[in-house]
Amino acid sequence: MINPFKRYRIDSLFIICFAGLITIVLAITVWTSYAMTSRELADNTSYYQKRLLEELNNEITGRLTSIEQISLTTSRDNDLLTFLSGKEDEFNHYRRSKGIQEALAHLTYSIPQIQAIDLYMEQPEWGDRQSYIQFHGLTEAETKPWYPLLKNNDFSWSEEHDLTTYNGNVPVLSFSRKVYNNSRYLGILVVHVKADWIRGILEGYSKDSNRMLLDLNGRELLSVGKSMRDAGLQEHDLRFTDQSGVPRLHTQHGVESLIVYSKVADSNWMLVEITPWERITSGSVKLAGAIITIGIGALLLAFLLTLWLSRQLLKPIAQLVRAMKNYDVGGKQAELAGDYTNEFGILFAGFRRLNERIQALYASLAQRYEQQRKAEIEALQANINPHFLYNTLDQLNWMAIAEGQEKMSRILELMGRMFRIGLSHGESFITIEEELTHVACYLEIQQIRWEDGLEYEVHASQEIRNLFIPKMTLQPFVENSIIHGFNSRQTGRIQIKAEEEGSRIRMTIIDDGSGLAPQSKGSHRRKGGYGIRNVRERFSAFFNENYEIHVKDGEFEGVVVTIIFPRLEEAQT
């Protein structure tokens, strides 16, 4: 895994780290506050809703129970039972019907919550259609919405429905009761209660609540706000076991809601209030939004602060990096601020001291190099006067020609060429062409001495011959092969090859001499004589570690010398 602090910019990492930290803290804070406040709001809401429902349930239970008691008392009235039995003559039956109608009308007037009272019998009497008291035949009861609930029961409450009156349709809840006399079924007494009256009690002071009046079977009788179906609930969704509770359900519409219900002991009714979860948590959402707004502001301030801090931290670092990049020995150096007294001041002071030491060291090395160069030239001039040497060799050459010494004349001519290449006007690098010419002159001199006993080959392309090499590189190894490898022999063969290997040059010298003698391995003989050691030291000075010189026995005989150095298209100074 890559360490980001080793790859990316420090200011970017600062901003990302601070922004990430604040974002994580903000997210945790928002979630924690939302969870805690929403749970607290839900607990408080459910507590107060449950208490309110219990009060409303007690009131509604008392009112509806009184209606049931009135219905029960009326159904046991002797005049009503006599009227429904039909055992009187027509006149008395008519007279009794008027009395019953007046008694029932008195109930509707004395109890404003009763909208109307219907009486179903086998032989109904004709009455006033505009009256709140109506007589109907039993067959008509089968068409009423409350009748299916009365089939298997002696009494029941119906769901909210519209009652048709002379003033129009009125929403009511109907309580129907079968009337018996000595186990004889006589008719049905139906008391219609105003639904708006119950709804007013159920609504209380909350105009936007969703409350429902259910029977013990979970059947909805009346609702305020949304009905069960509109709220996405079914009767089987609700499982009410205790007298009150606070379940939390996901409705069929995908809306999460808080359900609060209340049942009163020995009561036939249950109140349920449904509150959308988003309404309860709206305060938590607002609080979370406020925290997010504050967090975004804090994040922006942190971003600006981090940007300012990172720039203050990176400014001196950038100065130091720029100074290091533009550093040039002997050139104009970048100015570093001098008013830092902290760690950056220590770094700047250290960099200045390092520059001073480098400059001093460079000046010392340059002075030493110049002194050494002058000393070498002076020593060379002191020991060898080139003009004197060339003139002397020319005179010896003409003397040899005059005496008919052609071999000697050729040797003197070759020596002159070798000296000219060796001196090379004081240059340290010459072309490979000149280096091969120098070693060829030496080999030709040896051929003259050996007559036909020495053979040599040189293989190098013209492109390689135009490249540069430190002078006097090959001659010490060739000389080592002739002196030591061909010792006490009359014949010998030397092969010299120059090849390119990418950005490097490989020079190979192969002889068929006696090889590295066991007693000489590990010593300087044939591997490290003065000339060869001088080549190694000069290569180390010129190329540092970017070179190789290997001397080893050949595969079958002789010695193989391998010299590898950088490809040089220009002479090095």
Protein backbone atom coordinates (compact mmCIF):
# COMPACT_ATOMS: atom_id res chain seq x y z
CA MET A 1 0.00 0.00 0.00
CA ILE A 2 1.39 3.40 -1.02
CA ASN A 3 1.78 5.96 1.74
CA PRO A 4 -0.15 9.05 0.53
CA PHE A 5 2.21 11.33 2.46
CA LYS A 6 4.99 10.15 0.14
CA ARG A 7 3.12 10.85 -3.11
CA TYR A 8 0.62 13.71 -2.84
CA ARG A 9 0.97 17.38 -2.00
CA ILE A 10 0.96 18.29 1.69
CA ASP A 11 -1.67 21.04 1.32
CA SER A 12 -4.05 18.66 -0.46
CA LEU A 13 -3.56 16.03 2.25
CA PHE A 14 -4.17 18.64 4.97
CA ILE A 15 -7.43 19.77 3.39
CA ILE A 16 -8.64 16.22 2.73
CA CYS A 17 -7.80 15.05 6.26
CA PHE A 18 -9.42 18.00 8.03
CA ALA A 19 -12.46 17.96 5.74
CA GLY A 20 -12.85 14.20 6.19
CA LEU A 21 -12.54 14.46 9.97
CA ILE A 22 -15.10 17.27 10.22
CA THR A 23 -17.44 15.44 7.83
CA ILE A 24 -17.28 12.26 9.93
CA VAL A 25 -17.84 14.17 13.18
CA LEU A 26 -20.69 16.09 11.55
CA ALA A 27 -22.34 12.91 10.27
CA ILE A 28 -22.07 11.24 13.69
CA THR A 29 -23.45 14.35 15.40
CA VAL A 30 -26.37 14.66 12.99
CA TRP A 31 -27.26 11.00 13.24
CA THR A 32 -26.95 10.93 17.03
CA SER A 33 -29.01 14.08 17.50
CA TYR A 34 -31.64 12.87 15.04
CA ALA A 35 -31.90 9.44 16.67
CA MET A 36 -32.03 10.78 20.23
CA THR A 37 -34.43 13.66 19.57
CA SER A 38 -36.73 11.60 17.34
CA ARG A 39 -36.92 8.85 19.97
CA GLU A 40 -37.55 11.42 22.70
CA LEU A 41 -40.23 13.13 20.60
CA ALA A 42 -41.86 9.80 19.82
CA ASP A 43 -41.91 8.85 23.51
CA ASN A 44 -43.39 12.20 24.54
CA THR A 45 -45.91 12.18 21.72
CA SER A 46 -47.06 8.65 22.44
CA TYR A 47 -47.31 9.37 26.17
CA TYR A 48 -49.53 12.41 25.78
CA GLN A 49 -51.55 10.84 22.97
CA LYS A 50 -52.19 7.77 25.10
CA ARG A 51 -53.39 9.85 28.02
CA LEU A 52 -55.64 11.91 25.75
CA LEU A 53 -57.08 8.80 24.11
CA GLU A 54 -57.83 7.31 27.50
CA GLU A 55 -59.76 10.44 28.49
CA LEU A 56 -61.62 10.56 25.18
CA ASN A 57 -62.34 6.86 25.36
CA ASN A 58 -63.83 7.21 28.83
CA GLU A 59 -66.06 10.04 27.64
CA ILE A 60 -67.17 8.29 24.46
CA THR A 61 -67.71 5.04 26.31
CA GLY A 62 -69.93 6.82 28.83
CA ARG A 63 -71.97 8.51 26.11
CA LEU A 64 -72.43 5.42 23.96
CA THR A 65 -73.18 3.25 26.99
CA SER A 66 -75.95 5.65 27.94
CA ILE A 67 -77.40 5.24 24.45
CA GLU A 68 -77.31 1.46 24.88
CA GLN A 69 -79.03 1.76 28.29
CA ILE A 70 -81.73 4.00 26.83
CA SER A 71 -82.23 1.48 24.03
CA LEU A 72 -82.43 -1.39 26.52
CA THR A 73 -84.92 0.45 28.75
CA THR A 74 -87.08 1.40 25.79
CA SER A 75 -87.07 -2.16 24.39
CA ARG A 76 -88.48 -3.46 27.70
CA ASP A 77 -91.28 -0.90 27.95
CA ASN A 78 -94.68 -2.67 28.35
CA ASP A 79 -96.45 -0.30 26.00
CA LEU A 80 -93.85 -0.99 23.30
CA LEU A 81 -94.02 -4.74 23.82
CA THR A 82 -97.84 -4.66 23.71
CA PHE A 83 -97.73 -2.52 20.60
CA LEU A 84 -95.31 -4.84 18.82
CA SER A 85 -97.25 -8.00 19.83
CA GLY A 86 -100.27 -6.86 17.75
CA LYS A 87 -102.89 -8.38 20.13
CA GLU A 88 -104.99 -5.20 20.48
CA ASP A 89 -107.83 -4.05 18.33
CA GLU A 90 -107.20 -1.57 15.62
CA PHE A 91 -108.29 1.51 17.59
CA ASN A 92 -106.21 0.71 20.64
CA HIS A 93 -103.29 -0.26 18.42
CA TYR A 94 -103.46 3.11 16.68
CA ARG A 95 -103.81 4.99 19.95
CA ARG A 96 -100.87 3.12 21.46
CA SER A 97 -98.71 3.85 18.39
CA LYS A 98 -99.27 7.56 18.93
CA GLY A 99 -98.19 7.24 22.55
CA ILE A 100 -95.05 5.33 21.65
CA GLN A 101 -94.24 7.81 18.90
CA GLU A 102 -94.55 10.68 21.39
CA ALA A 103 -92.40 8.85 23.97
CA LEU A 104 -89.64 8.15 21.43
CA ALA A 105 -89.86 11.71 20.13
CA HIS A 106 -89.45 12.93 23.70
CA LEU A 107 -86.17 10.95 23.84
CA THR A 108 -84.85 12.61 20.70
CA TYR A 109 -85.74 16.03 22.06
CA SER A 110 -84.30 15.41 25.51
CA ILE A 111 -81.07 13.84 24.18
CA PRO A 112 -79.72 16.08 21.39
CA GLN A 113 -77.16 13.47 20.40
CA ILE A 114 -79.94 11.22 19.05
CA GLN A 115 -80.76 12.09 15.46
CA ALA A 116 -83.72 9.71 15.01
CA ILE A 117 -85.28 6.44 16.18
CA ASP A 118 -86.61 3.73 13.86
CA LEU A 119 -88.89 0.86 14.88
CA TYR A 120 -89.15 -2.22 12.68
CA MET A 121 -92.19 -4.52 13.16
CA GLU A 122 -94.37 -6.96 11.32
CA GLN A 123 -97.34 -4.56 10.89
CA PRO A 124 -95.99 -1.02 10.81
CA GLU A 125 -98.20 1.95 11.43
CA TRP A 126 -98.34 4.84 9.07
CA GLY A 127 -96.62 7.93 10.43
CA ASP A 128 -95.41 11.39 9.58
CA ARG A 129 -92.52 11.20 7.08
CA GLN A 130 -91.06 14.41 8.50
CA SER A 131 -90.93 12.99 12.02
CA TYR A 132 -87.73 11.75 13.67
CA ILE A 133 -89.67 8.64 14.71
CA GLN A 134 -90.42 6.18 11.92
CA PHE A 135 -92.13 2.78 11.82
CA HIS A 136 -90.99 0.27 9.19
CA GLY A 137 -91.67 -3.29 8.21
CA LEU A 138 -89.20 -5.98 9.19
CA THR A 139 -88.46 -6.74 5.57
CA GLU A 140 -87.11 -3.23 5.10
CA ALA A 141 -84.46 -3.86 7.75
CA GLU A 142 -82.63 -6.29 5.47
CA THR A 143 -81.66 -3.42 3.18
CA LYS A 144 -80.06 -1.33 5.90
CA PRO A 145 -76.25 -1.19 6.41
CA TRP A 146 -76.49 -2.21 10.06
CA TYR A 147 -78.61 -5.33 9.45
CA PRO A 148 -75.77 -7.83 8.59
CA LEU A 149 -74.18 -7.15 11.98
CA LEU A 150 -77.45 -7.90 13.76
CA LYS A 151 -78.03 -11.35 12.26
CA ASN A 152 -75.95 -13.22 14.83
CA ASN A 153 -76.27 -10.70 17.66
CA ASP A 154 -79.05 -9.18 19.74
CA PHE A 155 -77.60 -5.70 19.41
CA SER A 156 -74.76 -3.98 17.54
CA TRP A 157 -73.28 -0.68 16.53
CA SER A 158 -72.97 0.10 12.86
CA GLU A 159 -70.24 1.93 11.00
CA GLU A 160 -70.78 5.54 10.07
CA HIS A 161 -73.38 5.89 7.32
CA ASP A 162 -75.80 8.46 5.95
CA LEU A 163 -79.35 8.59 7.22
CA THR A 164 -81.94 10.01 4.82
CA THR A 165 -84.19 12.61 6.46
CA TYR A 166 -86.49 15.32 5.21
CA ASN A 167 -83.55 17.76 5.72
CA GLY A 168 -81.21 15.64 3.62
CA ASN A 169 -78.61 13.01 4.43
CA VAL A 170 -77.15 13.08 7.92
CA PRO A 171 -74.07 11.00 8.97
CA VAL A 172 -74.97 8.76 11.92
CA LEU A 173 -73.89 5.75 13.93
CA SER A 174 -76.80 3.36 14.42
CA PHE A 175 -77.33 1.20 17.49
CA SER A 176 -79.79 -1.57 16.69
CA ARG A 177 -81.37 -3.94 19.22
CA LYS A 178 -83.73 -6.85 18.75
CA VAL A 179 -86.93 -6.65 20.82
CA TYR A 180 -88.12 -9.85 22.51
CA ASN A 181 -91.12 -10.65 24.72
CA ASN A 182 -91.00 -14.02 26.43
CA SER A 183 -88.47 -15.23 23.85
CA ARG A 184 -90.72 -14.09 21.04
CA TYR A 185 -88.99 -11.94 18.43
CA LEU A 186 -91.14 -8.83 17.94
CA GLY A 187 -89.02 -6.30 16.03
CA ILE A 188 -85.93 -4.08 15.96
CA LEU A 189 -85.35 -0.80 17.74
CA VAL A 190 -82.72 1.38 16.03
CA VAL A 191 -81.31 4.52 17.64
CA HIS A 192 -79.42 6.77 15.24
CA VAL A 193 -76.70 8.81 16.98
CA LYS A 194 -75.25 11.89 15.33
CA ALA A 195 -71.80 11.04 13.99
CA ASP A 196 -70.68 14.66 14.20
CA TRP A 197 -71.30 14.59 17.94
CA ILE A 198 -68.97 11.59 18.41
CA ARG A 199 -66.53 13.04 15.92
CA GLY A 200 -66.42 16.28 17.91
CA ILE A 201 -65.50 14.35 21.04
CA LEU A 202 -62.97 12.27 19.13
CA GLU A 203 -61.41 15.29 17.49
CA GLY A 204 -60.91 17.19 20.76
CA TYR A 205 -58.68 20.21 20.26
CA SER A 206 -56.61 18.63 17.45
CA LYS A 207 -57.86 19.58 14.02
CA ASP A 208 -55.20 17.70 12.04
CA SER A 209 -55.10 14.38 13.94
CA ASN A 210 -55.97 10.96 12.54
CA ARG A 211 -58.11 9.20 15.14
CA MET A 212 -60.44 6.23 14.76
CA LEU A 213 -63.18 4.63 16.81
CA LEU A 214 -63.02 0.84 16.51
CA ASP A 215 -64.99 -1.99 18.01
CA LEU A 216 -63.25 -4.89 19.74
CA ASN A 217 -62.94 -6.74 16.42
CA GLY A 218 -60.89 -3.92 14.94
CA ARG A 219 -63.75 -2.71 12.73
CA GLU A 220 -63.66 1.01 12.13
CA LEU A 221 -66.89 2.76 13.19
CA LEU A 222 -65.86 6.37 12.72
CA SER A 223 -62.71 8.34 12.01
CA VAL A 224 -61.32 11.84 12.24
CA GLY A 225 -58.82 12.81 9.57
CA LYS A 226 -57.72 9.81 7.53
CA SER A 227 -59.53 6.52 7.76
CA MET A 228 -57.68 3.24 8.25
CA ARG A 229 -57.75 2.54 4.55
CA ASP A 230 -56.55 6.04 3.65
CA ALA A 231 -53.72 5.66 6.17
CA GLY A 232 -52.66 2.40 4.48
CA LEU A 233 -53.74 0.12 7.34
CA GLN A 234 -55.84 -3.00 7.28
CA GLU A 235 -57.76 -4.46 10.16
CA HIS A 236 -55.41 -7.44 10.37
CA ASP A 237 -52.41 -5.08 10.60
CA LEU A 238 -53.36 -4.08 14.12
CA ARG A 239 -52.76 -6.46 16.99
CA PHE A 240 -54.15 -4.87 20.13
CA THR A 241 -53.61 -7.05 23.18
CA ASP A 242 -53.22 -4.67 26.10
CA GLN A 243 -55.45 -1.84 27.20
CA SER A 244 -53.04 0.62 25.54
CA GLY A 245 -49.87 0.50 23.52
CA VAL A 246 -47.53 2.22 21.07
CA PRO A 247 -46.66 0.05 18.09
CA ARG A 248 -44.72 1.46 15.15
CA LEU A 249 -45.74 0.12 11.74
CA HIS A 250 -44.84 0.44 8.08
CA THR A 251 -48.10 0.94 6.22
CA GLN A 252 -48.96 -0.49 2.83
CA HIS A 253 -48.23 2.89 1.27
CA GLY A 254 -44.63 2.65 2.47
CA VAL A 255 -45.16 5.35 5.10
CA GLU A 256 -43.87 4.70 8.60
CA SER A 257 -46.38 5.66 11.28
CA LEU A 258 -46.69 5.74 15.05
CA ILE A 259 -49.82 3.90 16.24
CA VAL A 260 -51.22 4.76 19.69
CA TYR A 261 -54.35 2.96 20.94
CA SER A 262 -56.42 2.88 24.11
CA LYS A 263 -58.94 0.38 25.45
CA VAL A 264 -61.01 0.86 28.56
CA ALA A 265 -61.75 -2.16 30.74
CA ASP A 266 -65.22 -3.66 30.18
CA SER A 267 -65.67 -1.43 27.15
CA ASN A 268 -66.72 -2.37 23.64
CA TRP A 269 -64.73 0.37 21.96
CA MET A 270 -61.15 1.24 21.26
CA LEU A 271 -59.58 4.53 20.14
CA VAL A 272 -56.63 4.55 17.76
CA GLU A 273 -54.50 7.51 16.67
CA ILE A 274 -52.16 7.28 13.69
CA THR A 275 -49.37 9.86 13.40
CA PRO A 276 -46.99 9.85 10.42
CA TRP A 277 -43.43 9.36 11.61
CA GLU A 278 -42.25 12.27 9.52
CA ARG A 279 -44.58 14.60 11.45
CA ILE A 280 -43.13 13.42 14.76
CA THR A 281 -39.55 13.73 13.57
CA SER A 282 -40.02 17.04 11.76
CA GLY A 283 -38.41 18.80 14.72
CA SER A 284 -35.50 16.38 14.62
CA VAL A 285 -35.12 16.94 10.89
CA LYS A 286 -35.05 20.71 11.45
CA LEU A 287 -32.46 20.27 14.19
CA ALA A 288 -30.39 18.01 11.93
CA GLY A 289 -30.69 20.59 9.15
CA ALA A 290 -29.49 23.32 11.50
CA ILE A 291 -26.55 21.14 12.57
CA ILE A 292 -25.73 20.40 8.94
CA THR A 293 -25.82 24.11 8.12
CA ILE A 294 -23.53 24.88 11.04
CA GLY A 295 -21.32 21.95 10.03
CA ILE A 296 -21.06 23.18 6.44
CA GLY A 297 -20.08 26.59 7.77
CA ALA A 298 -17.52 24.98 10.05
CA LEU A 299 -16.28 22.88 7.15
CA LEU A 300 -15.85 26.00 5.01
CA LEU A 301 -14.01 27.80 7.80
CA ALA A 302 -11.84 24.72 8.38
CA PHE A 303 -11.10 24.60 4.66
CA LEU A 304 -10.00 28.23 4.64
CA LEU A 305 -8.01 27.80 7.85
CA THR A 306 -6.36 24.63 6.56
CA LEU A 307 -5.57 26.31 3.25
CA TRP A 308 -3.98 29.25 5.08
CA LEU A 309 -2.02 26.99 7.45
CA SER A 310 -0.86 24.72 4.65
CA ARG A 311 0.35 27.71 2.65
CA GLN A 312 2.19 29.08 5.66
CA LEU A 313 3.82 25.69 6.20
CA LEU A 314 4.59 25.03 2.55
CA LYS A 315 5.90 28.49 1.72
CA PRO A 316 9.33 28.00 3.40
CA ILE A 317 9.45 24.39 2.21
CA ALA A 318 8.78 25.56 -1.36
CA GLN A 319 11.57 28.15 -1.01
CA LEU A 320 13.98 25.47 0.17
CA VAL A 321 12.94 23.03 -2.59
CA ARG A 322 13.30 25.75 -5.25
CA ALA A 323 16.72 26.68 -3.91
CA MET A 324 17.83 23.04 -4.01
CA LYS A 325 16.51 22.55 -7.57
CA ASN A 326 18.23 25.69 -8.86
CA TYR A 327 21.46 25.07 -7.00
CA ASP A 328 24.52 25.48 -9.20
CA VAL A 329 28.07 25.25 -7.97
CA GLY A 330 29.66 28.60 -8.54
CA GLY A 331 26.42 30.15 -9.80
CA LYS A 332 24.00 32.59 -8.23
CA GLN A 333 22.23 31.02 -5.28
CA ALA A 334 18.55 31.51 -4.37
CA GLU A 335 17.83 33.86 -1.49
CA LEU A 336 16.21 32.26 1.57
CA ALA A 337 14.18 34.22 4.10
CA GLY A 338 16.20 35.15 7.15
CA ASP A 339 13.39 35.98 9.59
CA TYR A 340 12.49 32.39 10.49
CA THR A 341 13.52 31.40 14.03
CA ASN A 342 11.74 28.04 14.24
CA GLU A 343 12.54 24.71 12.59
CA PHE A 344 12.46 26.34 9.14
CA GLY A 345 15.12 28.79 10.28
CA ILE A 346 17.30 25.84 11.33
CA LEU A 347 16.79 24.21 7.92
CA PHE A 348 17.64 27.43 6.08
CA ALA A 349 20.77 27.94 8.19
CA GLY A 350 21.84 24.35 7.60
CA PHE A 351 21.30 24.74 3.85
CA ARG A 352 23.40 27.92 3.82
CA ARG A 353 26.23 26.23 5.74
CA LEU A 354 26.06 23.27 3.36
CA ASN A 355 26.33 25.62 0.37
CA GLU A 356 29.32 27.33 1.91
CA ARG A 357 31.03 23.99 2.52
CA ILE A 358 30.27 22.81 -1.02
CA GLN A 359 31.61 26.03 -2.47
CA ALA A 360 34.75 25.78 -0.36
CA LEU A 361 35.22 22.12 -1.26
CA TYR A 362 34.63 22.80 -4.94
CA ALA A 363 37.12 25.65 -4.90
CA SER A 364 39.65 23.42 -3.13
CA LEU A 365 39.16 20.62 -5.64
CA ALA A 366 39.44 23.01 -8.56
CA GLN A 367 42.63 24.44 -7.11
CA ARG A 368 44.07 20.99 -6.51
CA TYR A 369 43.10 19.86 -10.00
CA GLU A 370 44.69 22.88 -11.55
CA GLN A 371 47.83 22.41 -9.49
CA GLN A 372 47.98 18.71 -10.41
CA ARG A 373 47.45 19.48 -14.09
CA LYS A 374 50.17 22.09 -14.04
CA ALA A 375 52.49 19.72 -12.20
CA GLU A 376 51.89 16.94 -14.72
CA ILE A 377 52.51 19.25 -17.63
CA GLU A 378 55.62 20.70 -16.00
CA ALA A 379 56.91 17.20 -15.22
CA LEU A 380 56.23 16.09 -18.77
CA GLN A 381 57.91 19.18 -20.14
CA ALA A 382 60.81 18.68 -17.79
CA ASN A 383 61.37 15.07 -18.79
CA ILE A 384 60.43 15.12 -22.44
CA ASN A 385 60.78 17.99 -24.79
CA PRO A 386 58.48 17.00 -27.65
CA HIS A 387 60.32 18.97 -30.27
CA PHE A 388 63.65 17.66 -29.12
CA LEU A 389 62.26 14.10 -29.10
CA TYR A 390 60.71 14.41 -32.56
CA ASN A 391 63.89 15.96 -34.02
CA THR A 392 66.05 13.29 -32.45
CA LEU A 393 63.85 10.48 -33.79
CA ASP A 394 63.92 12.07 -37.26
CA GLN A 395 67.70 12.27 -37.21
CA LEU A 396 67.99 8.64 -36.06
CA ASN A 397 65.53 7.67 -38.78
CA TRP A 398 67.60 9.38 -41.51
CA MET A 399 70.78 7.81 -40.13
CA ALA A 400 69.15 4.35 -40.26
CA ILE A 401 68.05 4.97 -43.84
CA ALA A 402 71.53 6.11 -44.74
CA GLU A 403 72.98 2.94 -43.24
CA GLY A 404 70.36 0.79 -44.98
CA GLN A 405 68.64 -0.16 -41.70
CA GLU A 406 65.07 -0.26 -42.96
CA LYS A 407 63.68 -2.09 -39.91
CA MET A 408 65.22 0.40 -37.58
CA SER A 409 63.87 3.24 -39.69
CA ARG A 410 60.36 1.78 -39.49
CA ILE A 411 60.65 1.32 -35.73
CA LEU A 412 61.71 4.93 -35.26
CA GLU A 413 58.84 6.13 -37.47
CA LEU A 414 56.31 4.07 -35.45
CA MET A 415 57.74 5.34 -32.18
CA GLY A 416 57.30 8.90 -33.38
CA ARG A 417 53.64 8.28 -34.16
CA MET A 418 53.16 6.66 -30.74
CA PHE A 419 54.72 9.63 -28.95
CA ARG A 420 52.58 12.12 -30.85
CA ILE A 421 49.40 10.21 -29.97
CA GLY A 422 50.54 9.67 -26.37
CA LEU A 423 51.19 13.35 -25.82
CA SER A 424 48.02 14.52 -27.66
CA HIS A 425 48.66 18.16 -26.71
CA GLY A 426 47.99 17.35 -23.07
CA GLU A 427 44.43 16.00 -23.66
CA SER A 428 43.20 13.06 -21.54
CA PHE A 429 40.70 11.69 -24.10
CA ILE A 430 41.39 10.71 -27.71
CA THR A 431 39.28 8.95 -30.33
CA ILE A 432 39.10 5.17 -30.38
CA GLU A 433 40.59 5.45 -33.88
CA GLU A 434 43.70 7.15 -32.43
CA GLU A 435 43.85 4.65 -29.54
CA LEU A 436 43.72 1.72 -31.99
CA THR A 437 46.42 3.41 -34.12
CA HIS A 438 48.60 3.82 -31.04
CA VAL A 439 48.32 0.15 -30.07
CA ALA A 440 48.76 -0.92 -33.73
CA CYS A 441 52.06 0.98 -33.88
CA TYR A 442 53.22 -0.82 -30.75
CA LEU A 443 52.19 -4.23 -32.20
CA GLU A 444 53.91 -3.50 -35.50
CA ILE A 445 57.14 -2.69 -33.63
CA GLN A 446 56.78 -6.05 -31.84
CA GLN A 447 56.13 -7.78 -35.17
CA ILE A 448 59.38 -6.35 -36.53
CA ARG A 449 61.16 -7.72 -33.48
CA TRP A 450 59.38 -11.10 -33.69
CA GLU A 451 59.53 -11.12 -37.47
CA ASP A 452 56.60 -13.40 -38.48
CA GLY A 453 55.93 -14.89 -35.03
CA LEU A 454 53.31 -12.30 -33.89
CA GLU A 455 49.83 -11.89 -35.37
CA TYR A 456 47.09 -9.43 -34.40
CA GLU A 457 43.58 -8.43 -35.53
CA VAL A 458 41.56 -5.29 -34.84
CA HIS A 459 37.77 -5.26 -35.29
CA ALA A 460 35.89 -1.96 -34.86
CA SER A 461 33.25 -0.21 -36.95
CA GLN A 462 33.85 3.29 -38.20
CA GLU A 463 31.03 4.61 -35.99
CA ILE A 464 32.78 3.23 -32.89
CA ARG A 465 36.17 4.58 -34.06
CA ASN A 466 34.74 8.12 -33.93
CA LEU A 467 33.88 7.80 -30.23
CA PHE A 468 36.27 8.81 -27.40
CA ILE A 469 38.29 6.84 -24.85
CA PRO A 470 40.91 7.73 -22.21
CA LYS A 471 44.30 7.58 -23.95
CA MET A 472 46.83 4.86 -23.23
CA THR A 473 44.06 2.37 -22.30
CA LEU A 474 44.83 -0.64 -24.52
CA GLN A 475 48.64 -0.55 -24.75
CA PRO A 476 49.38 -1.67 -21.13
CA PHE A 477 47.17 -4.78 -21.56
CA VAL A 478 48.67 -5.63 -24.96
CA GLU A 479 52.15 -5.11 -23.55
CA ASN A 480 51.27 -7.39 -20.62
CA SER A 481 50.17 -10.14 -23.04
CA ILE A 482 53.43 -9.97 -25.04
CA ILE A 483 55.79 -9.75 -22.07
CA HIS A 484 54.11 -12.33 -19.83
CA GLY A 485 51.76 -14.33 -22.01
CA PHE A 486 54.23 -14.99 -24.83
CA ASN A 487 57.30 -15.33 -22.61
CA SER A 488 59.79 -17.95 -23.95
CA ARG A 489 57.63 -18.35 -27.07
CA GLN A 490 58.32 -17.58 -30.71
CA THR A 491 54.68 -17.14 -31.80
CA GLY A 492 51.57 -15.43 -30.47
CA ARG A 493 48.21 -14.05 -31.55
CA ILE A 494 46.25 -11.04 -30.21
CA GLN A 495 42.70 -10.03 -31.12
CA ILE A 496 41.18 -6.62 -30.27
CA LYS A 497 37.43 -5.98 -30.64
CA ALA A 498 35.30 -2.89 -29.98
CA GLU A 499 31.47 -3.28 -29.67
CA GLU A 500 28.50 -1.14 -28.63
CA GLU A 501 26.20 -2.35 -25.83
CA GLY A 502 23.41 0.21 -25.59
CA SER A 503 24.89 3.30 -23.98
CA ARG A 504 28.22 1.58 -23.23
CA ILE A 505 31.31 0.40 -25.18
CA ARG A 506 32.91 -3.01 -24.65
CA MET A 507 36.62 -3.36 -25.59
CA THR A 508 37.97 -6.96 -25.59
CA ILE A 509 41.63 -8.05 -25.79
CA ILE A 510 42.15 -11.80 -26.32
CA ASP A 511 45.56 -13.54 -26.50
CA ASP A 512 46.50 -17.18 -26.89
CA GLY A 513 49.37 -16.99 -24.42
CA SER A 514 50.05 -19.06 -21.33
CA GLY A 515 47.23 -17.55 -19.35
CA LEU A 516 47.29 -16.52 -15.72
CA ALA A 517 49.91 -18.61 -13.94
CA PRO A 518 48.73 -20.13 -10.63
CA GLN A 519 51.47 -18.44 -8.68
CA SER A 520 50.56 -15.07 -10.17
CA LYS A 521 46.78 -15.25 -9.50
CA GLY A 522 45.88 -12.84 -6.78
CA SER A 523 49.10 -10.88 -7.29
CA HIS A 524 49.61 -7.81 -9.47
CA ARG A 525 51.49 -9.73 -12.17
CA ARG A 526 49.55 -9.76 -15.44
CA LYS A 527 46.49 -8.53 -13.58
CA GLY A 528 47.72 -5.43 -11.87
CA GLY A 529 51.08 -4.17 -13.11
CA TYR A 530 51.87 -0.49 -12.95
CA GLY A 531 50.44 0.27 -16.40
CA ILE A 532 47.22 -1.66 -15.78
CA ARG A 533 46.84 -0.18 -12.28
CA ASN A 534 47.25 3.26 -13.81
CA VAL A 535 44.43 2.49 -16.27
CA ARG A 536 42.14 1.45 -13.39
CA GLU A 537 42.91 4.58 -11.38
CA ARG A 538 42.30 6.87 -14.38
CA PHE A 539 39.00 5.11 -15.23
CA SER A 540 37.88 5.42 -11.60
CA ALA A 541 38.68 9.15 -11.68
CA PHE A 542 36.88 9.67 -14.99
CA PHE A 543 33.79 7.41 -14.57
CA ASN A 544 33.47 6.78 -10.80
CA GLU A 545 31.74 3.38 -10.59
CA ASN A 546 30.34 3.42 -14.14
CA TYR A 547 33.00 1.19 -15.66
CA GLU A 548 34.27 -2.42 -15.56
CA ILE A 549 37.70 -3.98 -16.13
CA HIS A 550 37.98 -7.77 -15.99
CA VAL A 551 41.09 -9.94 -16.55
CA LYS A 552 40.51 -13.69 -16.63
CA ASP A 553 41.74 -16.90 -18.27
CA GLY A 554 40.34 -17.75 -21.69
CA GLU A 555 38.02 -20.68 -22.21
CA PHE A 556 40.80 -22.92 -23.60
CA GLU A 557 44.00 -20.83 -23.37
CA GLY A 558 45.37 -17.34 -22.98
CA VAL A 559 43.81 -14.36 -21.22
CA VAL A 560 40.68 -12.33 -21.94
CA VAL A 561 40.64 -8.65 -20.93
CA THR A 562 37.24 -6.87 -20.95
CA ILE A 563 36.96 -3.10 -20.60
CA ILE A 564 33.47 -1.55 -20.41
CA PHE A 565 32.92 2.22 -20.18
CA PRO A 566 30.25 4.81 -21.15
CA ARG A 567 29.71 5.76 -24.79
CA LEU A 568 31.39 9.16 -25.31
CA GLU A 569 30.70 11.24 -28.41
CA GLU A 570 32.81 14.14 -27.17
CA ALA A 571 36.10 14.43 -25.34
CA GLN A 572 35.70 14.93 -21.56
CA THR A 573 37.48 17.75 -19.80
